[in-house]
């Protein structure tokens, strides 16, 4: 199976090394895919995508949820990712272990970090290895689920969708 370029970028996340770089890149990747979803499914994509001051990540997220394009668990995950990104944007020295309780869930609604206290301890003991592993679990719950949703909806993530 051929990977589209957003998947190829996501696979490179662990190589970024820094928690900050991974979180910011992951957030950018999810916004890229949200934009593709809007471009493909909204009756007014140009108005939305050309006005980034009004249509922030948060607003786009609410729009695609209200359009019925993403389910509640994915909405919660993307909102949790937004909050995590904001932590890194406003305080570069973020304690990732303390932020693992933002509510990331699997598709079935079960927590991504089922043994949260153990995961927190592991990330505190090994911030590099375990921290990156925890971030990759977040990547799967956010980008991975969003990507799968777009594929199921027939959204082309490789080529520009036709503007409406």
C-alpha atoms as a PDB file:
ATOM      1  CA  UNK A   1       0.000   0.000   0.000  1.00  0.00           C
ATOM      2  CA  UNK A   2       1.343   3.423  -0.985  1.00  0.00           C
ATOM      3  CA  UNK A   3       1.463   6.044   1.781  1.00  0.00           C
ATOM      4  CA  UNK A   4       0.288   9.572   1.065  1.00  0.00           C
ATOM      5  CA  UNK A   5       2.669  12.340   2.046  1.00  0.00           C
ATOM      6  CA  UNK A   6       0.858  13.165   5.294  1.00  0.00           C
ATOM      7  CA  UNK A   7       1.380   9.554   6.408  1.00  0.00           C
ATOM      8  CA  UNK A   8       5.038   9.699   5.389  1.00  0.00           C
ATOM      9  CA  UNK A   9       5.484  12.875   7.450  1.00  0.00           C
ATOM     10  CA  UNK A  10       3.715  11.329  10.449  1.00  0.00           C
ATOM     11  CA  UNK A  11       5.975   8.282  10.324  1.00  0.00           C
ATOM     12  CA  UNK A  12       8.955  10.595  10.689  1.00  0.00           C
ATOM     13  CA  UNK A  13       7.709  12.119  13.959  1.00  0.00           C
ATOM     14  CA  UNK A  14       9.946  10.023  16.270  1.00  0.00           C
ATOM     15  CA  UNK A  15      13.042  11.189  14.383  1.00  0.00           C
ATOM     16  CA  UNK A  16      12.288  14.782  15.369  1.00  0.00           C
ATOM     17  CA  UNK A  17      13.513  13.844  18.842  1.00  0.00           C
ATOM     18  CA  UNK A  18      12.133  16.809  20.758  1.00  0.00           C
ATOM     19  CA  UNK A  19       8.736  16.654  22.416  1.00  0.00           C
ATOM     20  CA  UNK A  20       8.068  20.230  21.303  1.00  0.00           C
ATOM     21  CA  UNK A  21       8.885  19.429  17.666  1.00  0.00           C
ATOM     22  CA  UNK A  22       6.712  16.309  17.703  1.00  0.00           C
ATOM     23  CA  UNK A  23       3.688  18.045  19.265  1.00  0.00           C
ATOM     24  CA  UNK A  24       3.857  21.079  16.976  1.00  0.00           C
ATOM     25  CA  UNK A  25       4.400  18.938  13.864  1.00  0.00           C
ATOM     26  CA  UNK A  26       1.582  16.591  14.859  1.00  0.00           C
ATOM     27  CA  UNK A  27      -0.733  19.559  15.351  1.00  0.00           C
ATOM     28  CA  UNK A  28       0.237  20.938  11.919  1.00  0.00           C
ATOM     29  CA  UNK A  29      -0.387  17.538  10.326  1.00  0.00           C
ATOM     30  CA  UNK A  30      -3.852  17.273  11.858  1.00  0.00           C
ATOM     31  CA  UNK A  31      -4.694  20.797  10.723  1.00  0.00           C
ATOM     32  CA  UNK A  32      -3.527  19.907   7.212  1.00  0.00           C
ATOM     33  CA  UNK A  33      -5.890  16.913   7.204  1.00  0.00           C
ATOM     34  CA  UNK A  34      -8.756  18.949   8.723  1.00  0.00           C
ATOM     35  CA  UNK A  35      -8.254  21.463   5.904  1.00  0.00           C
ATOM     36  CA  UNK A  36      -8.425  18.674   3.327  1.00  0.00           C
ATOM     37  CA  UNK A  37     -11.604  17.376   4.943  1.00  0.00           C
ATOM     38  CA  UNK A  38     -13.146  20.859   4.827  1.00  0.00           C
ATOM     39  CA  UNK A  39     -11.967  21.399   1.250  1.00  0.00           C
ATOM     40  CA  UNK A  40     -13.550  18.128   0.194  1.00  0.00           C
ATOM     41  CA  UNK A  41     -16.819  18.213   2.162  1.00  0.00           C
ATOM     42  CA  UNK A  42     -17.782  21.809   2.928  1.00  0.00           C
ATOM     43  CA  UNK A  43     -20.070  23.775   0.608  1.00  0.00           C
ATOM     44  CA  UNK A  44     -17.922  26.883   1.298  1.00  0.00           C
ATOM     45  CA  UNK A  45     -14.327  25.666   1.696  1.00  0.00           C
ATOM     46  CA  UNK A  46     -12.654  28.732   0.182  1.00  0.00           C
ATOM     47  CA  UNK A  47     -14.343  31.079   2.667  1.00  0.00           C
ATOM     48  CA  UNK A  48     -13.205  28.896   5.568  1.00  0.00           C
ATOM     49  CA  UNK A  49      -9.683  28.099   4.423  1.00  0.00           C
ATOM     50  CA  UNK A  50      -8.863  31.631   3.242  1.00  0.00           C
ATOM     51  CA  UNK A  51      -9.769  33.224   6.592  1.00  0.00           C
ATOM     52  CA  UNK A  52      -7.369  31.795   9.170  1.00  0.00           C
ATOM     53  CA  UNK A  53      -8.044  34.606  11.651  1.00  0.00           C
ATOM     54  CA  UNK A  54     -11.718  33.672  11.958  1.00  0.00           C
ATOM     55  CA  UNK A  55     -11.418  29.960  11.248  1.00  0.00           C
ATOM     56  CA  UNK A  56      -8.834  28.836  13.769  1.00  0.00           C
ATOM     57  CA  UNK A  57      -7.996  25.209  14.477  1.00  0.00           C
ATOM     58  CA  UNK A  58     -10.647  25.193  17.226  1.00  0.00           C
ATOM     59  CA  UNK A  59     -13.337  26.591  14.934  1.00  0.00           C
ATOM     60  CA  UNK A  60     -12.450  24.158  12.131  1.00  0.00           C
ATOM     61  CA  UNK A  61     -12.660  21.329  14.649  1.00  0.00           C
ATOM     62  CA  UNK A  62     -16.148  22.372  15.767  1.00  0.00           C
ATOM     63  CA  UNK A  63     -17.206  22.785  12.130  1.00  0.00           C
ATOM     64  CA  UNK A  64     -16.171  19.288  11.059  1.00  0.00           C
ATOM     65  CA  UNK A  65     -17.773  17.817  14.182  1.00  0.00           C
ATOM     66  CA  UNK A  66     -21.033  19.680  13.544  1.00  0.00           C
ATOM     67  CA  UNK A  67     -20.957  18.589   9.892  1.00  0.00           C
ATOM     68  CA  UNK A  68     -20.914  14.996  11.186  1.00  0.00           C
ATOM     69  CA  UNK A  69     -17.535  14.293   9.596  1.00  0.00           C
ATOM     70  CA  UNK A  70     -15.749  13.197  12.774  1.00  0.00           C
ATOM     71  CA  UNK A  71     -17.051  11.316  15.778  1.00  0.00           C
ATOM     72  CA  UNK A  72     -16.982  12.440  19.404  1.00  0.00           C
ATOM     73  CA  UNK A  73     -13.876  10.440  20.472  1.00  0.00           C
ATOM     74  CA  UNK A  74     -11.853  11.885  17.585  1.00  0.00           C
ATOM     75  CA  UNK A  75     -13.166  15.384  18.340  1.00  0.00           C
ATOM     76  CA  UNK A  76     -12.065  14.979  21.978  1.00  0.00           C
ATOM     77  CA  UNK A  77      -8.617  13.749  20.905  1.00  0.00           C
ATOM     78  CA  UNK A  78      -8.040  16.608  18.493  1.00  0.00           C
ATOM     79  CA  UNK A  79      -9.168  19.106  21.116  1.00  0.00           C
ATOM     80  CA  UNK A  80      -6.801  17.502  23.647  1.00  0.00           C
ATOM     81  CA  UNK A  81      -3.986  17.771  21.077  1.00  0.00           C
ATOM     82  CA  UNK A  82      -4.869  21.462  20.636  1.00  0.00           C
ATOM     83  CA  UNK A  83      -4.569  21.978  24.390  1.00  0.00           C
ATOM     84  CA  UNK A  84      -1.239  20.094  24.480  1.00  0.00           C
ATOM     85  CA  UNK A  85       0.092  22.198  21.593  1.00  0.00           C
ATOM     86  CA  UNK A  86      -0.972  25.345  23.430  1.00  0.00           C
ATOM     87  CA  UNK A  87       0.975  24.183  26.490  1.00  0.00           C
ATOM     88  CA  UNK A  88       4.107  23.898  24.350  1.00  0.00           C
ATOM     89  CA  UNK A  89       3.412  27.176  22.546  1.00  0.00           C
ATOM     90  CA  UNK A  90       3.108  29.134  25.781  1.00  0.00           C
ATOM     91  CA  UNK A  91       5.683  27.333  27.918  1.00  0.00           C
ATOM     92  CA  UNK A  92       8.541  25.619  26.148  1.00  0.00           C
ATOM     93  CA  UNK A  93       9.541  23.651  29.251  1.00  0.00           C
ATOM     94  CA  UNK A  94       6.443  21.451  29.483  1.00  0.00           C
ATOM     95  CA  UNK A  95       6.241  18.424  31.763  1.00  0.00           C
ATOM     96  CA  UNK A  96       4.780  15.957  29.253  1.00  0.00           C
ATOM     97  CA  UNK A  97       4.063  13.381  31.968  1.00  0.00           C
ATOM     98  CA  UNK A  98       1.768  15.886  33.708  1.00  0.00           C
ATOM     99  CA  UNK A  99      -0.167  16.435  30.462  1.00  0.00           C
ATOM    100  CA  UNK A 100      -0.962  12.798  29.612  1.00  0.00           C
ATOM    101  CA  UNK A 101      -4.314  13.124  31.401  1.00  0.00           C
ATOM    102  CA  UNK A 102      -5.852  15.436  28.774  1.00  0.00           C
ATOM    103  CA  UNK A 103      -8.367  12.746  27.800  1.00  0.00           C
ATOM    104  CA  UNK A 104      -6.931  10.983  24.751  1.00  0.00           C
ATOM    105  CA  UNK A 105      -9.086   7.965  23.889  1.00  0.00           C
ATOM    106  CA  UNK A 106      -9.051   5.051  21.479  1.00  0.00           C
ATOM    107  CA  UNK A 107     -11.785   4.747  18.857  1.00  0.00           C
ATOM    108  CA  UNK A 108     -13.753   2.579  21.299  1.00  0.00           C
ATOM    109  CA  UNK A 109     -13.686   5.358  23.902  1.00  0.00           C
ATOM    110  CA  UNK A 110     -11.204   3.634  26.227  1.00  0.00           C
ATOM    111  CA  UNK A 111      -8.294   5.779  27.425  1.00  0.00           C
ATOM    112  CA  UNK A 112      -5.133   5.710  25.322  1.00  0.00           C
ATOM    113  CA  UNK A 113      -3.167   5.558  28.573  1.00  0.00           C
ATOM    114  CA  UNK A 114      -5.114   2.845  30.380  1.00  0.00           C
ATOM    115  CA  UNK A 115      -2.611   2.731  33.223  1.00  0.00           C
ATOM    116  CA  UNK A 116      -2.085   6.451  33.423  1.00  0.00           C
ATOM    117  CA  UNK A 117      -0.118   6.537  36.683  1.00  0.00           C
ATOM    118  CA  UNK A 118       2.291   3.872  35.375  1.00  0.00           C
ATOM    119  CA  UNK A 119       2.697   5.708  32.074  1.00  0.00           C
ATOM    120  CA  UNK A 120       3.350   8.993  33.895  1.00  0.00           C
ATOM    121  CA  UNK A 121       6.038   7.323  36.019  1.00  0.00           C
ATOM    122  CA  UNK A 122       7.629   5.713  32.976  1.00  0.00           C
ATOM    123  CA  UNK A 123       7.708   9.032  31.083  1.00  0.00           C
ATOM    124  CA  UNK A 124       9.222  10.786  34.116  1.00  0.00           C
ATOM    125  CA  UNK A 125      11.878   8.050  34.416  1.00  0.00           C
ATOM    126  CA  UNK A 126      12.678   8.047  30.686  1.00  0.00           C
ATOM    127  CA  UNK A 127      11.503  11.330  29.155  1.00  0.00           C
ATOM    128  CA  UNK A 128      13.187  10.701  25.817  1.00  0.00           C
ATOM    129  CA  UNK A 129      12.234   7.105  25.026  1.00  0.00           C
ATOM    130  CA  UNK A 130       8.985   6.744  26.946  1.00  0.00           C
ATOM    131  CA  UNK A 131       7.997  10.342  26.208  1.00  0.00           C
ATOM    132  CA  UNK A 132       8.349   9.810  22.479  1.00  0.00           C
ATOM    133  CA  UNK A 133       6.467   6.522  22.774  1.00  0.00           C
ATOM    134  CA  UNK A 134       3.628   8.305  24.613  1.00  0.00           C
ATOM    135  CA  UNK A 135       3.569  11.003  21.933  1.00  0.00           C
ATOM    136  CA  UNK A 136       3.340   8.343  19.234  1.00  0.00           C
ATOM    137  CA  UNK A 137       0.297   6.905  21.038  1.00  0.00           C
ATOM    138  CA  UNK A 138      -1.186  10.412  20.952  1.00  0.00           C
ATOM    139  CA  UNK A 139      -0.281  10.646  17.250  1.00  0.00           C
ATOM    140  CA  UNK A 140      -2.186   7.443  16.549  1.00  0.00           C
ATOM    141  CA  UNK A 141      -5.222   8.640  18.523  1.00  0.00           C
ATOM    142  CA  UNK A 142      -5.264  11.999  16.719  1.00  0.00           C
ATOM    143  CA  UNK A 143      -3.626  11.952  13.309  1.00  0.00           C
ATOM    144  CA  UNK A 144      -4.098   8.204  12.841  1.00  0.00           C
ATOM    145  CA  UNK A 145      -7.818   8.300  13.578  1.00  0.00           C
ATOM    146  CA  UNK A 146      -8.328  11.499  11.558  1.00  0.00           C
ATOM    147  CA  UNK A 147      -6.438  10.057   8.607  1.00  0.00           C
ATOM    148  CA  UNK A 148      -8.499   6.844   8.724  1.00  0.00           C
ATOM    149  CA  UNK A 149     -11.708   8.901   8.856  1.00  0.00           C
ATOM    150  CA  UNK A 150     -10.677  10.869   5.766  1.00  0.00           C
ATOM    151  CA  UNK A 151      -9.786   7.700   3.885  1.00  0.00           C
ATOM    152  CA  UNK A 152     -13.189   6.200   4.801  1.00  0.00           C
ATOM    153  CA  UNK A 153     -14.909   9.375   3.552  1.00  0.00           C
ATOM    154  CA  UNK A 154     -12.953   9.291   0.281  1.00  0.00           C
ATOM    155  CA  UNK A 155     -11.016  12.479   0.972  1.00  0.00           C
ATOM    156  CA  UNK A 156      -7.922  12.715  -1.241  1.00  0.00           C
ATOM    157  CA  UNK A 157      -4.974  13.499   1.009  1.00  0.00           C
ATOM    158  CA  UNK A 158      -2.369  13.294  -1.741  1.00  0.00           C
ATOM    159  CA  UNK A 159      -3.665  15.760  -4.335  1.00  0.00           C
ATOM    160  CA  UNK A 160      -5.463  19.056  -4.055  1.00  0.00           C
ATOM    161  CA  UNK A 161      -9.197  18.537  -3.848  1.00  0.00           C
ATOM    162  CA  UNK A 162     -11.266  20.494  -6.321  1.00  0.00           C
ATOM    163  CA  UNK A 163     -12.235  23.841  -4.803  1.00  0.00           C
ATOM    164  CA  UNK A 164     -15.983  24.437  -4.723  1.00  0.00           C
END
